Protein backbone atom coordinates (compact mmCIF):
# COMPACT_ATOMS: atom_id res chain seq x y z
CA UNK A 1 -16.30 -60.82 -33.83
CA UNK A 2 -16.65 -57.06 -32.84
CA UNK A 3 -13.19 -55.74 -31.47
CA UNK A 4 -13.41 -53.58 -28.18
CA UNK A 5 -11.88 -50.12 -28.39
CA UNK A 6 -8.58 -49.51 -26.44
CA UNK A 7 -9.12 -48.91 -23.00
CA UNK A 8 -12.85 -49.90 -22.96
CA UNK A 9 -12.57 -53.47 -22.33
CA UNK A 10 -14.53 -54.02 -19.31
CA UNK A 11 -15.70 -57.70 -18.22
CA UNK A 12 -19.44 -57.91 -17.79
CA UNK A 13 -19.14 -59.65 -14.33
CA UNK A 14 -17.20 -56.53 -13.17
CA UNK A 15 -19.88 -54.18 -14.58
CA UNK A 16 -22.46 -55.95 -12.47
CA UNK A 17 -20.64 -55.89 -9.29
CA UNK A 18 -19.80 -52.18 -9.86
CA UNK A 19 -23.43 -51.31 -10.64
CA UNK A 20 -24.74 -53.44 -7.77
CA UNK A 21 -22.31 -52.55 -5.27
CA UNK A 22 -24.31 -49.83 -3.49
CA UNK A 23 -26.91 -52.30 -2.38
CA UNK A 24 -24.48 -54.96 -1.22
CA UNK A 25 -26.04 -57.68 -3.53
CA UNK A 26 -24.01 -59.75 -6.26
CA UNK A 27 -26.52 -58.58 -9.20
CA UNK A 28 -28.67 -55.38 -9.13
CA UNK A 29 -32.30 -55.62 -7.86
CA UNK A 30 -35.34 -55.28 -10.22
CA UNK A 31 -35.53 -51.62 -10.69
CA UNK A 32 -38.54 -49.71 -10.23
CA UNK A 33 -37.56 -47.29 -12.90
CA UNK A 34 -35.32 -48.01 -15.90
CA UNK A 35 -31.44 -47.34 -15.53
CA UNK A 36 -30.03 -44.17 -17.05
CA UNK A 37 -28.88 -44.79 -20.59
CA UNK A 38 -25.56 -43.54 -19.45
CA UNK A 39 -25.29 -45.96 -16.46
CA UNK A 40 -23.21 -48.55 -18.59
CA UNK A 41 -20.85 -46.33 -20.11
CA UNK A 42 -20.06 -44.37 -16.95
CA UNK A 43 -19.42 -47.45 -15.05
CA UNK A 44 -17.45 -48.73 -18.04
CA UNK A 45 -15.60 -45.60 -18.50
CA UNK A 46 -14.66 -45.40 -14.79
CA UNK A 47 -13.23 -48.92 -14.77
CA UNK A 48 -11.21 -48.38 -17.84
CA UNK A 49 -9.51 -45.25 -17.27
CA UNK A 50 -6.20 -45.71 -15.52
CA UNK A 51 -5.69 -43.70 -12.24
CA UNK A 52 -9.39 -42.77 -11.87
CA UNK A 53 -10.02 -41.22 -8.56
CA UNK A 54 -11.66 -43.95 -6.41
CA UNK A 55 -13.69 -41.23 -4.60
CA UNK A 56 -15.27 -40.58 -7.88
CA UNK A 57 -16.13 -44.08 -8.52
CA UNK A 58 -17.60 -44.33 -5.01
CA UNK A 59 -19.57 -41.13 -5.68
CA UNK A 60 -20.98 -42.50 -9.05
CA UNK A 61 -21.64 -45.96 -7.54
CA UNK A 62 -23.66 -44.59 -4.50
CA UNK A 63 -26.01 -43.11 -7.21
CA UNK A 64 -26.43 -45.97 -9.31
CA UNK A 65 -24.12 -44.47 -11.98
CA UNK A 66 -26.83 -42.02 -12.65
CA UNK A 67 -25.69 -38.72 -14.06
CA UNK A 68 -25.59 -35.45 -12.49
CA UNK A 69 -25.18 -33.08 -15.41
CA UNK A 70 -26.74 -34.94 -18.28
CA UNK A 71 -30.68 -35.14 -18.88
CA UNK A 72 -32.59 -36.27 -21.88
CA UNK A 73 -29.25 -37.07 -24.01
CA UNK A 74 -27.79 -33.39 -23.52
CA UNK A 75 -26.14 -31.28 -20.95
CA UNK A 76 -28.86 -30.04 -18.38
CA UNK A 77 -29.72 -26.41 -17.32
CA UNK A 78 -27.43 -27.08 -14.28
CA UNK A 79 -24.56 -28.23 -16.57
CA UNK A 80 -24.92 -24.82 -18.45
CA UNK A 81 -24.68 -22.84 -15.49
CA UNK A 82 -21.64 -24.83 -14.37
CA UNK A 83 -19.84 -24.45 -17.57
CA UNK A 84 -20.44 -20.68 -17.21
CA UNK A 85 -18.93 -20.47 -13.87
CA UNK A 86 -15.81 -22.89 -15.08
CA UNK A 87 -15.32 -20.80 -18.21
CA UNK A 88 -15.53 -17.73 -16.12
CA UNK A 89 -12.87 -18.99 -13.24
CA UNK A 90 -10.60 -16.38 -14.55
CA UNK A 91 -12.87 -13.71 -12.66
CA UNK A 92 -11.73 -15.50 -9.56
CA UNK A 93 -7.98 -15.27 -10.37
CA UNK A 94 -8.29 -19.06 -11.27
CA UNK A 95 -7.41 -20.69 -14.36
CA UNK A 96 -10.27 -22.17 -16.70
CA UNK A 97 -8.14 -24.65 -18.24
CA UNK A 98 -7.61 -26.26 -14.80
CA UNK A 99 -11.02 -27.36 -14.95
CA UNK A 100 -11.20 -29.23 -18.18
CA UNK A 101 -13.14 -26.39 -20.06
CA UNK A 102 -11.40 -27.05 -23.47
CA UNK A 103 -12.29 -30.74 -23.51
CA UNK A 104 -15.76 -29.78 -22.12
CA UNK A 105 -16.24 -27.55 -24.73
CA UNK A 106 -15.41 -30.09 -27.33
CA UNK A 107 -17.74 -32.59 -26.05
CA UNK A 108 -20.55 -30.06 -25.54
CA UNK A 109 -22.56 -31.04 -28.73
CA UNK A 110 -21.85 -34.40 -28.96
CA UNK A 111 -24.69 -36.74 -28.37
CA UNK A 112 -23.35 -40.31 -28.38
CA UNK A 113 -23.60 -42.35 -25.36
CA UNK A 114 -19.56 -42.42 -24.96
CA UNK A 115 -19.05 -38.71 -25.44
CA UNK A 116 -22.08 -37.83 -23.17
CA UNK A 117 -20.37 -40.02 -20.39
CA UNK A 118 -16.99 -38.39 -20.82
CA UNK A 119 -18.62 -35.20 -20.55
CA UNK A 120 -20.53 -35.99 -17.56
CA UNK A 121 -17.00 -37.31 -15.91
CA UNK A 122 -15.35 -34.03 -16.91
CA UNK A 123 -18.07 -31.83 -15.72
CA UNK A 124 -18.15 -33.51 -12.08
CA UNK A 125 -14.27 -33.48 -11.72
CA UNK A 126 -14.42 -29.86 -12.94
CA UNK A 127 -17.04 -28.89 -10.40
CA UNK A 128 -15.20 -30.83 -7.51
CA UNK A 129 -12.02 -28.93 -8.24
CA UNK A 130 -13.55 -25.68 -8.89
CA UNK A 131 -15.63 -26.15 -5.79
CA UNK A 132 -12.30 -26.70 -3.68
CA UNK A 133 -10.23 -24.15 -5.14
CA UNK A 134 -12.71 -21.05 -4.83
CA UNK A 135 -14.08 -22.28 -1.31
CA UNK A 136 -10.80 -22.86 0.31
CA UNK A 137 -7.84 -22.30 -2.08
CA UNK A 138 -5.53 -24.63 -3.65
CA UNK A 139 -3.93 -27.01 -1.40
CA UNK A 140 -0.17 -26.86 -3.11
CA UNK A 141 -0.37 -22.78 -2.35
CA UNK A 142 -1.60 -23.60 1.20
CA UNK A 143 1.02 -25.72 1.82
CA UNK A 144 3.52 -23.28 0.36
CA UNK A 145 2.84 -20.60 3.01
CA UNK A 146 2.35 -23.01 5.90
CA UNK A 147 -1.54 -22.17 6.05
CA UNK A 148 -3.57 -24.65 7.91
CA UNK A 149 -5.11 -27.47 5.89
CA UNK A 150 -8.89 -26.82 5.87
CA UNK A 151 -10.76 -29.64 6.98
CA UNK A 152 -12.61 -30.81 3.32
CA UNK A 153 -16.26 -29.65 3.50
CA UNK A 154 -19.37 -31.57 2.52
CA UNK A 155 -20.57 -28.61 0.56
CA UNK A 156 -19.11 -29.65 -2.81
CA UNK A 157 -20.88 -32.90 -2.86
CA UNK A 158 -24.13 -31.13 -1.65
CA UNK A 159 -23.68 -28.89 -4.38
CA UNK A 160 -23.66 -31.74 -7.13
CA UNK A 161 -27.42 -32.07 -6.83
CA UNK A 162 -28.75 -28.73 -5.35
CA UNK A 163 -31.35 -27.29 -7.66
CA UNK A 164 -29.82 -23.38 -7.02
CA UNK A 165 -26.37 -24.06 -8.42
CA UNK A 166 -26.02 -20.44 -9.59
CA UNK A 167 -26.13 -18.95 -5.88
CA UNK A 168 -24.58 -22.21 -4.39
CA UNK A 169 -21.31 -21.51 -6.32
CA UNK A 170 -21.42 -17.70 -5.88
CA UNK A 171 -21.42 -18.32 -2.19
CA UNK A 172 -18.47 -20.55 -2.08
CA UNK A 173 -15.87 -17.74 -2.35
CA UNK A 174 -15.07 -15.75 0.38
CA UNK A 175 -18.03 -13.25 0.89
CA UNK A 176 -15.63 -10.29 2.45
CA UNK A 177 -16.35 -7.15 0.71
CA UNK A 178 -12.66 -6.99 0.53
CA UNK A 179 -12.51 -10.05 -1.58
CA UNK A 180 -15.20 -8.77 -4.02
CA UNK A 181 -13.26 -5.26 -4.40
CA UNK A 182 -10.11 -7.31 -5.13
CA UNK A 183 -12.13 -9.31 -7.88
CA UNK A 184 -13.00 -5.98 -9.48
CA UNK A 185 -9.47 -4.64 -9.37
CA UNK A 186 -8.57 -7.68 -11.19
CA UNK A 187 -10.99 -6.78 -13.83
CA UNK A 188 -9.69 -3.45 -14.10
CA UNK A 189 -6.04 -4.08 -14.58
CA UNK A 190 -6.94 -6.68 -16.98
CA UNK A 191 -8.67 -4.07 -19.25
CA UNK A 192 -5.66 -1.81 -18.38
CA UNK A 193 -3.52 -4.60 -19.99
CA UNK A 194 -5.81 -5.10 -23.05
CA UNK A 195 -5.45 -1.27 -23.74
CA UNK A 196 -1.64 -1.58 -23.96
CA UNK A 197 -0.92 -1.06 -20.20
CA UNK A 198 1.23 2.03 -19.34
CA UNK A 199 4.26 3.49 -20.70
CA UNK A 200 7.70 2.98 -19.09
CA UNK A 201 9.36 6.05 -17.65
CA UNK A 202 12.97 6.67 -18.38
CA UNK A 203 15.45 7.00 -15.32
CA UNK A 204 16.70 10.36 -14.69
CA UNK A 205 17.39 12.79 -11.60
CA UNK A 206 14.63 13.17 -8.69
CA UNK A 207 11.91 14.96 -9.62
CA UNK A 208 10.16 17.77 -7.35
CA UNK A 209 7.47 20.01 -7.94
CA UNK A 210 8.28 22.99 -9.93
CA UNK A 211 10.85 21.25 -11.92
CA UNK A 212 10.96 20.81 -15.74
CA UNK A 213 11.77 17.49 -17.24
CA UNK A 214 10.91 15.93 -20.47
CA UNK A 215 9.61 12.92 -18.78
CA UNK A 216 6.66 14.74 -17.04
CA UNK A 217 4.39 14.15 -20.15
CA UNK A 218 4.84 10.31 -19.72
CA UNK A 219 4.51 10.22 -16.12
CA UNK A 220 1.26 12.44 -16.69
CA UNK A 221 -0.01 9.82 -18.95
CA UNK A 222 1.16 7.02 -16.53
CA UNK A 223 -0.87 8.50 -13.69
CA UNK A 224 -3.90 9.50 -15.79
CA UNK A 225 -4.70 5.71 -15.91
CA UNK A 226 -4.44 4.72 -12.16
CA UNK A 227 -4.62 7.97 -10.16
CA UNK A 228 -6.73 10.79 -11.78
CA UNK A 229 -3.73 12.60 -13.15
CA UNK A 230 -4.94 15.54 -15.56
CA UNK A 231 -4.29 15.12 -18.89
CA UNK A 232 -1.76 17.44 -20.52
CA UNK A 233 1.54 17.84 -22.26
CA UNK A 234 3.52 20.69 -20.29
CA UNK A 235 7.02 19.40 -19.37
CA UNK A 236 6.58 21.17 -15.75
CA UNK A 237 5.82 19.28 -12.53
CA UNK A 238 2.93 21.30 -11.41
CA UNK A 239 0.85 20.93 -8.17
CA UNK A 240 -1.99 18.85 -9.92
CA UNK A 241 0.64 16.36 -10.93
CA UNK A 242 2.23 16.24 -7.70
CA UNK A 243 -1.45 15.55 -6.16
CA UNK A 244 -1.54 12.42 -8.40
CA UNK A 245 1.96 11.19 -7.38
CA UNK A 246 1.29 11.56 -3.72
CA UNK A 247 -2.21 9.30 -4.58
CA UNK A 248 0.02 6.92 -6.15
CA UNK A 249 2.64 6.80 -3.46
CA UNK A 250 0.24 6.33 -0.86
CA UNK A 251 -1.30 3.21 -2.80
CA UNK A 252 2.04 1.75 -2.84
CA UNK A 253 3.27 2.00 0.69
CA UNK A 254 5.76 4.82 -0.22
CA UNK A 255 5.96 8.09 2.00
CA UNK A 256 3.62 10.38 0.08
CA UNK A 257 5.72 13.30 -0.23
CA UNK A 258 5.34 14.16 -4.16
CA UNK A 259 8.86 13.52 -4.88
CA UNK A 260 9.91 11.32 -7.64
CA UNK A 261 12.86 9.29 -6.80
CA UNK A 262 14.15 5.87 -7.47
CA UNK A 263 11.80 4.10 -5.37
CA UNK A 264 8.76 5.69 -6.71
CA UNK A 265 9.96 5.48 -10.32
CA UNK A 266 10.42 1.70 -9.97
CA UNK A 267 6.74 1.38 -8.73
CA UNK A 268 5.56 3.42 -11.57
CA UNK A 269 7.41 0.93 -13.90
CA UNK A 270 6.12 -2.14 -12.72
CA UNK A 271 4.53 -3.42 -15.81
CA UNK A 272 0.55 -4.08 -15.29
CA UNK A 273 0.86 -7.76 -16.08
CA UNK A 274 2.99 -8.24 -12.85
CA UNK A 275 0.40 -6.13 -10.97
CA UNK A 276 -2.33 -8.64 -12.40
CA UNK A 277 -0.22 -11.45 -11.06
CA UNK A 278 0.17 -9.94 -7.91
CA UNK A 279 -3.63 -9.22 -7.29
CA UNK A 280 -4.30 -12.99 -8.35
CA UNK A 281 -1.72 -14.20 -5.52
CA UNK A 282 -3.77 -12.50 -3.04
CA UNK A 283 -7.03 -13.23 -4.12
CA UNK A 284 -5.58 -16.95 -3.57
CA UNK A 285 -4.52 -15.75 0.19
CA UNK A 286 -8.27 -14.77 0.70
CA UNK A 287 -9.29 -18.03 0.18
CA UNK A 288 -7.35 -19.47 2.92
CA UNK A 289 -9.22 -17.18 5.45
CA UNK A 290 -12.16 -18.75 6.93
CA UNK A 291 -12.97 -16.21 9.71
CA UNK A 292 -15.86 -13.78 9.05
CA UNK A 293 -15.83 -10.29 10.23
CA UNK A 294 -18.27 -10.23 13.12
CA UNK A 295 -17.68 -8.61 16.11
CA UNK A 296 -14.23 -6.95 17.33
CA UNK A 297 -11.00 -8.13 15.75
CA UNK A 298 -7.30 -7.22 15.32
CA UNK A 299 -6.03 -7.48 11.87
CA UNK A 300 -2.14 -7.09 10.90
CA UNK A 301 -0.94 -6.80 7.57
CA UNK A 302 2.63 -7.46 7.59
CA UNK A 303 3.89 -5.95 4.15
CA UNK A 304 2.12 -2.85 4.82
CA UNK A 305 3.30 -2.19 8.11
CA UNK A 306 -0.52 -1.71 9.29
CA UNK A 307 -2.71 -2.81 12.16
CA UNK A 308 -6.50 -2.28 12.12
CA UNK A 309 -9.24 -2.72 15.17
CA UNK A 310 -12.35 -3.73 13.54
CA UNK A 311 -15.90 -3.83 14.87
CA UNK A 312 -18.10 -5.92 12.45
CA UNK A 313 -15.66 -5.06 9.60
CA UNK A 314 -15.62 -1.51 10.13
CA UNK A 315 -12.07 0.11 11.01
CA UNK A 316 -12.42 1.74 14.58
CA UNK A 317 -8.44 2.29 15.05
CA UNK A 318 -5.40 1.83 12.82
CA UNK A 319 -1.70 2.31 13.64
CA UNK A 320 1.64 1.46 12.05
CA UNK A 321 3.59 -1.58 13.18
CA UNK A 322 7.26 -3.10 13.21
CA UNK A 323 7.45 -6.54 11.74
CA UNK A 324 10.12 -9.44 11.59
CA UNK A 325 13.57 -8.95 10.00
CA UNK A 326 14.01 -10.68 6.79
CA UNK A 327 15.87 -13.50 8.27
CA UNK A 328 13.27 -13.58 11.23
CA UNK A 329 9.92 -13.01 9.56
CA UNK A 330 6.90 -12.69 11.02
CA UNK A 331 4.42 -15.56 10.40
CA UNK A 332 0.77 -15.27 9.05
CA UNK A 333 -1.67 -17.13 11.06
CA UNK A 334 -4.77 -16.86 13.08
CA UNK A 335 -5.21 -16.90 16.78
CA UNK A 336 -7.05 -15.50 19.56
CA UNK A 337 -6.20 -12.60 21.97
CA UNK A 338 -6.60 -13.90 25.52
CA UNK A 339 -4.93 -11.39 28.08
CA UNK A 340 -2.98 -8.11 28.18
CA UNK A 341 0.29 -7.68 30.42
CA UNK A 342 1.17 -4.23 31.56
CA UNK A 343 4.60 -3.70 32.73
CA UNK A 344 5.84 -7.01 31.66
CA UNK A 345 9.21 -8.80 32.00
CA UNK A 346 10.90 -10.28 28.89
CA UNK A 347 12.15 -13.76 29.21
CA UNK A 348 14.90 -13.49 26.60
CA UNK A 349 14.46 -16.32 24.01
CA UNK A 350 17.29 -18.99 23.75
CA UNK A 351 18.17 -17.85 20.12
CA UNK A 352 18.68 -14.23 20.92
CA UNK A 353 20.68 -15.04 24.17
CA UNK A 354 22.84 -17.11 22.00
CA UNK A 355 23.37 -15.19 18.95
CA UNK A 356 23.22 -11.56 20.10
CA UNK A 357 24.02 -11.73 23.88
CA UNK A 358 26.78 -14.58 24.37
CA UNK A 359 29.28 -12.59 22.21
CA UNK A 360 28.80 -9.64 24.45
CA UNK A 361 29.07 -11.55 27.53
CA UNK A 362 32.32 -13.08 26.42
CA UNK A 363 33.80 -9.66 26.07
CA UNK A 364 32.30 -8.03 29.37
CA UNK A 365 30.09 -10.44 31.87
CA UNK A 366 28.65 -7.24 33.12
CA UNK A 367 27.68 -5.84 29.62
CA UNK A 368 23.87 -6.66 30.20
CA UNK A 369 23.35 -4.88 33.44
CA UNK A 370 22.46 -1.52 31.95
CA UNK A 371 19.88 -3.16 29.81
CA UNK A 372 18.45 -4.55 33.07
CA UNK A 373 18.84 -8.22 32.23
CA UNK A 374 19.56 -10.43 35.10
CA UNK A 375 20.25 -14.15 35.15
CA UNK A 376 18.47 -16.78 36.92
CA UNK A 377 18.93 -20.72 37.43
CA UNK A 378 15.32 -21.45 35.90
CA UNK A 379 12.36 -19.98 34.78
CA UNK A 380 10.29 -20.13 37.73
CA UNK A 381 9.40 -16.65 39.46
CA UNK A 382 11.35 -17.56 42.55
CA UNK A 383 14.45 -19.17 40.94
CA UNK A 384 17.62 -18.18 42.11
CA UNK A 385 19.64 -15.25 40.87
CA UNK A 386 22.95 -15.68 39.60
CA UNK A 387 26.01 -13.26 39.32
CA UNK A 388 27.05 -13.27 35.44
CA UNK A 389 30.45 -12.24 36.49
CA UNK A 390 30.97 -15.56 38.37
CA UNK A 391 30.86 -17.37 35.14
CA UNK A 392 33.30 -18.09 32.63
CA UNK A 393 31.44 -17.17 29.55
CA UNK A 394 34.42 -18.22 27.07
CA UNK A 395 33.50 -21.88 28.08
CA UNK A 396 29.84 -21.52 27.43
CA UNK A 397 28.29 -23.27 24.67
CA UNK A 398 24.71 -22.89 23.21
CA UNK A 399 23.70 -26.48 24.91
CA UNK A 400 25.29 -25.09 28.31
CA UNK A 401 23.55 -21.69 28.01
CA UNK A 402 19.95 -23.26 28.28
CA UNK A 403 20.81 -24.11 32.14
CA UNK A 404 20.03 -20.13 32.49
CA UNK A 405 17.08 -17.96 32.12
CA UNK A 406 17.70 -14.09 30.99
CA UNK A 407 15.05 -11.95 32.20
CA UNK A 408 14.85 -8.21 31.68
CA UNK A 409 12.96 -6.21 34.32
CA UNK A 410 9.92 -4.07 33.40
CA UNK A 411 10.66 -0.43 32.79
CA UNK A 412 11.02 1.67 29.70
CA UNK A 413 14.13 -0.13 28.88
CA UNK A 414 12.26 -3.47 28.27
CA UNK A 415 12.08 -4.87 24.79
CA UNK A 416 8.33 -5.38 25.24
CA UNK A 417 7.90 -1.90 26.20
CA UNK A 418 5.09 -1.36 28.81
CA UNK A 419 2.36 -3.54 27.26
CA UNK A 420 2.07 -6.95 25.45
CA UNK A 421 -1.00 -8.39 23.85
CA UNK A 422 -0.92 -12.12 24.14
CA UNK A 423 -2.45 -14.77 22.08
CA UNK A 424 -0.67 -18.13 22.72
CA UNK A 425 0.47 -19.80 19.44
CA UNK A 426 3.29 -22.30 18.29
CA UNK A 427 5.37 -19.39 16.72
CA UNK A 428 5.50 -17.54 20.38
CA UNK A 429 4.81 -14.35 18.43
CA UNK A 430 2.48 -11.65 20.01
CA UNK A 431 1.86 -7.85 19.82
CA UNK A 432 3.74 -5.51 22.05
CA UNK A 433 5.08 -2.08 22.86
CA UNK A 434 8.71 -1.17 22.06
CA UNK A 435 11.50 0.55 23.78
CA UNK A 436 12.89 1.60 20.30
CA UNK A 437 10.17 3.71 19.19
CA UNK A 438 12.47 5.48 16.21
CA UNK A 439 11.81 2.50 13.91
CA UNK A 440 8.12 3.79 13.34
CA UNK A 441 9.69 6.66 11.28
CA UNK A 442 10.75 4.46 8.47
CA UNK A 443 8.70 3.42 5.81
CA UNK A 444 9.98 -0.12 5.40
CA UNK A 445 9.66 -1.44 9.12
CA UNK A 446 11.46 -5.00 9.35
CA UNK A 447 13.44 -4.69 12.63
CA UNK A 448 11.84 -7.20 15.26
CA UNK A 449 12.63 -10.76 16.22
CA UNK A 450 9.53 -11.92 14.47
CA UNK A 451 6.79 -10.41 17.10
CA UNK A 452 4.93 -7.32 16.03
CA UNK A 453 5.82 -4.09 17.71
CA UNK A 454 2.81 -1.55 17.81
CA UNK A 455 2.86 2.16 17.07
CA UNK A 456 0.09 3.48 19.68
CA UNK A 457 0.31 0.56 22.37
CA UNK A 458 -1.74 2.56 24.93
CA UNK A 459 -4.53 3.20 22.48
CA UNK A 460 -4.72 -0.33 21.21
CA UNK A 461 -4.79 -1.55 24.97
CA UNK A 462 -7.54 0.82 25.71
CA UNK A 463 -9.50 -0.05 22.58
CA UNK A 464 -9.03 -3.87 23.47
CA UNK A 465 -10.20 -3.50 26.99
CA UNK A 466 -13.18 -0.74 26.07
CA UNK A 467 -15.92 -3.76 26.05
CA UNK A 468 -14.64 -5.27 29.60
CA UNK A 469 -16.73 -5.00 32.45
CA UNK A 470 -16.26 -2.35 33.75
CA UNK A 471 -14.77 -0.88 30.62
CA UNK A 472 -10.98 0.50 30.55
CA UNK A 473 -10.30 4.08 29.20
CA UNK A 474 -6.96 5.47 28.09
CA UNK A 475 -6.47 7.02 31.58
CA UNK A 476 -7.03 3.81 33.30
CA UNK A 477 -4.57 2.15 30.78
CA UNK A 478 -1.98 5.02 31.45
CA UNK A 479 -2.54 4.89 35.11
CA UNK A 480 -1.88 1.22 35.32
CA UNK A 481 1.45 1.55 33.46
CA UNK A 482 2.44 4.36 35.72
CA UNK A 483 2.14 2.48 38.69
CA UNK A 484 5.01 0.11 37.83
CA UNK A 485 3.50 -2.92 38.75
CA UNK A 486 3.14 -6.08 36.65
CA UNK A 487 -0.48 -6.54 35.92
CA UNK A 488 -2.36 -9.19 33.91
CA UNK A 489 -5.77 -8.42 32.33
CA UNK A 490 -7.58 -11.56 31.10
CA UNK A 491 -10.26 -10.77 28.42
CA UNK A 492 -13.92 -11.79 29.20
CA UNK A 493 -14.12 -13.08 25.72
CA UNK A 494 -11.02 -14.00 23.51
CA UNK A 495 -10.65 -11.59 20.55
CA UNK A 496 -9.70 -13.02 17.02
CA UNK A 497 -6.28 -11.93 15.92
CA UNK A 498 -5.30 -12.19 12.02
CA UNK A 499 -1.75 -11.92 10.90
CA UNK A 500 -1.81 -11.61 7.20
CA UNK A 501 0.53 -11.41 4.35
CA UNK A 502 -1.34 -9.21 1.70
CA UNK A 503 1.02 -7.46 -0.90
CA UNK A 504 -2.56 -6.19 -2.92
CA UNK A 505 -5.77 -5.20 -1.18
CA UNK A 506 -8.24 -2.44 -1.85
CA UNK A 507 -9.18 0.81 0.37
CA UNK A 508 -11.46 3.56 -0.51
CA UNK A 509 -9.03 5.26 -2.57
CA UNK A 510 -8.28 2.15 -4.86
CA UNK A 511 -6.09 -0.80 -4.99
CA UNK A 512 -3.10 -0.80 -2.77
CA UNK A 513 0.27 -2.78 -3.64
CA UNK A 514 2.67 -3.36 -0.77
CA UNK A 515 6.70 -4.74 -1.20
CA UNK A 516 6.76 -8.30 -1.18
CA UNK A 517 9.28 -8.05 2.01
CA UNK A 518 9.63 -11.64 2.63
CA UNK A 519 9.81 -12.86 -1.21
CA UNK A 520 6.64 -14.94 -0.76
CA UNK A 521 4.66 -13.78 -3.97
CA UNK A 522 7.23 -15.25 -6.42
CA UNK A 523 6.99 -18.63 -4.94
CA UNK A 524 3.34 -18.42 -4.77
CA UNK A 525 3.05 -17.31 -8.45
CA UNK A 526 5.31 -20.40 -9.54
CA UNK A 527 2.59 -22.66 -7.71
CA UNK A 528 -0.29 -20.82 -9.33
CA UNK A 529 0.95 -20.00 -12.66
CA UNK A 530 3.69 -22.86 -13.30
CA UNK A 531 7.38 -22.06 -14.23
């Protein structure tokens, strides 16, 4: 009696049922064409392997256990295309080993039916995982940053049999120019790493143009690799080197002053390997974004404190923003801007009322009057106003505080400033003006309660409303605000708004890096790289 190989035992009647299940009969009908030589080993392998994905079984069952990738007893031309993409997954910031590339390589030249069946399944599994990862990102990473789970697409299954596999796979990745530019940056920084990276600059006193220091040659060598510093060996901090330092500072979200202090020195000394990981993390974030760049859109990059107004992908307006504090971070999400409010009042959120204003009210019930904050018994516009001096605030609890609504009157004192941009969302976050413009003078602007304060609200309002009928001008915006009247303006067509978290991106002068202000990169790295 011939002994069956371990994990290969598969009763004949089960094999017959598996191979006939797609037709609904107990036994397969007479085939007009001979079955694939791999049908039996594929069915056996799928049934014998523990934990086999039921979707994979159903996929092959529906095809009558015919292979997708093996033809004539060897890998087909399409299989060779797929192997190239899997081997080159690192170019997308993915890990080739996640797609079975080592096992595929070991089986590639084997010709026995069992090996070919295993190779077939490895190619299909690698393809399905690669197509999902490059097309919409890795699920574990999406969940980590609370990104909406994409609906599984039928595109990957379609690609299993599409003749033009190479262009199909190429178009699964994001087609944004920024994504392609970041891929090139990854390639460039990997080349720098292969050359040994850059030197570490020793600590020392702050350097300004005109000073001499023994570290200058190392700084010049470091910046020659990324910021076009001119070669040289002198120890004087000259103007040419200062220009390169300013380019570096601009690319790293630092004030481009040409002074090399502790922050600039720390950025210079970030190893190239860490910059590579940072680029890969942000390539992953790009894959979560399904929106295209057509039409007018607002983009806010939270870590770089920057807003862009885009028309078909071209920047038409840009400005600084203030984002959420470290303990009240601004979330990343996509929504649609529906209307603007000029001269808005501000309904104080309950957590701010409890955590910030209740302690003040316990000390002085009239403490909020100078801030033009009034008290009401409900949220309706006609709710009765209440005199806070008649309330014993020492007996007030967070629960009883919910009975009252605190509302700040419109005006220059209002926390929202004179205009807000509304895109209803579950976070209750929006764009708005501010009564505290002083924060825009700082390089790291994490001062809000989660909303985004914009540096040029009048200009942004005019840009948003420029295509309305009739179009708004900056002068009309200013006149509306000067009237002091609360005015709501609905957009004829809602405008996409993207609040994104990018710590690496590409602009005209190269790849830019921003501080990981909310410590999200590290957590995402652990998901993507392990550890």
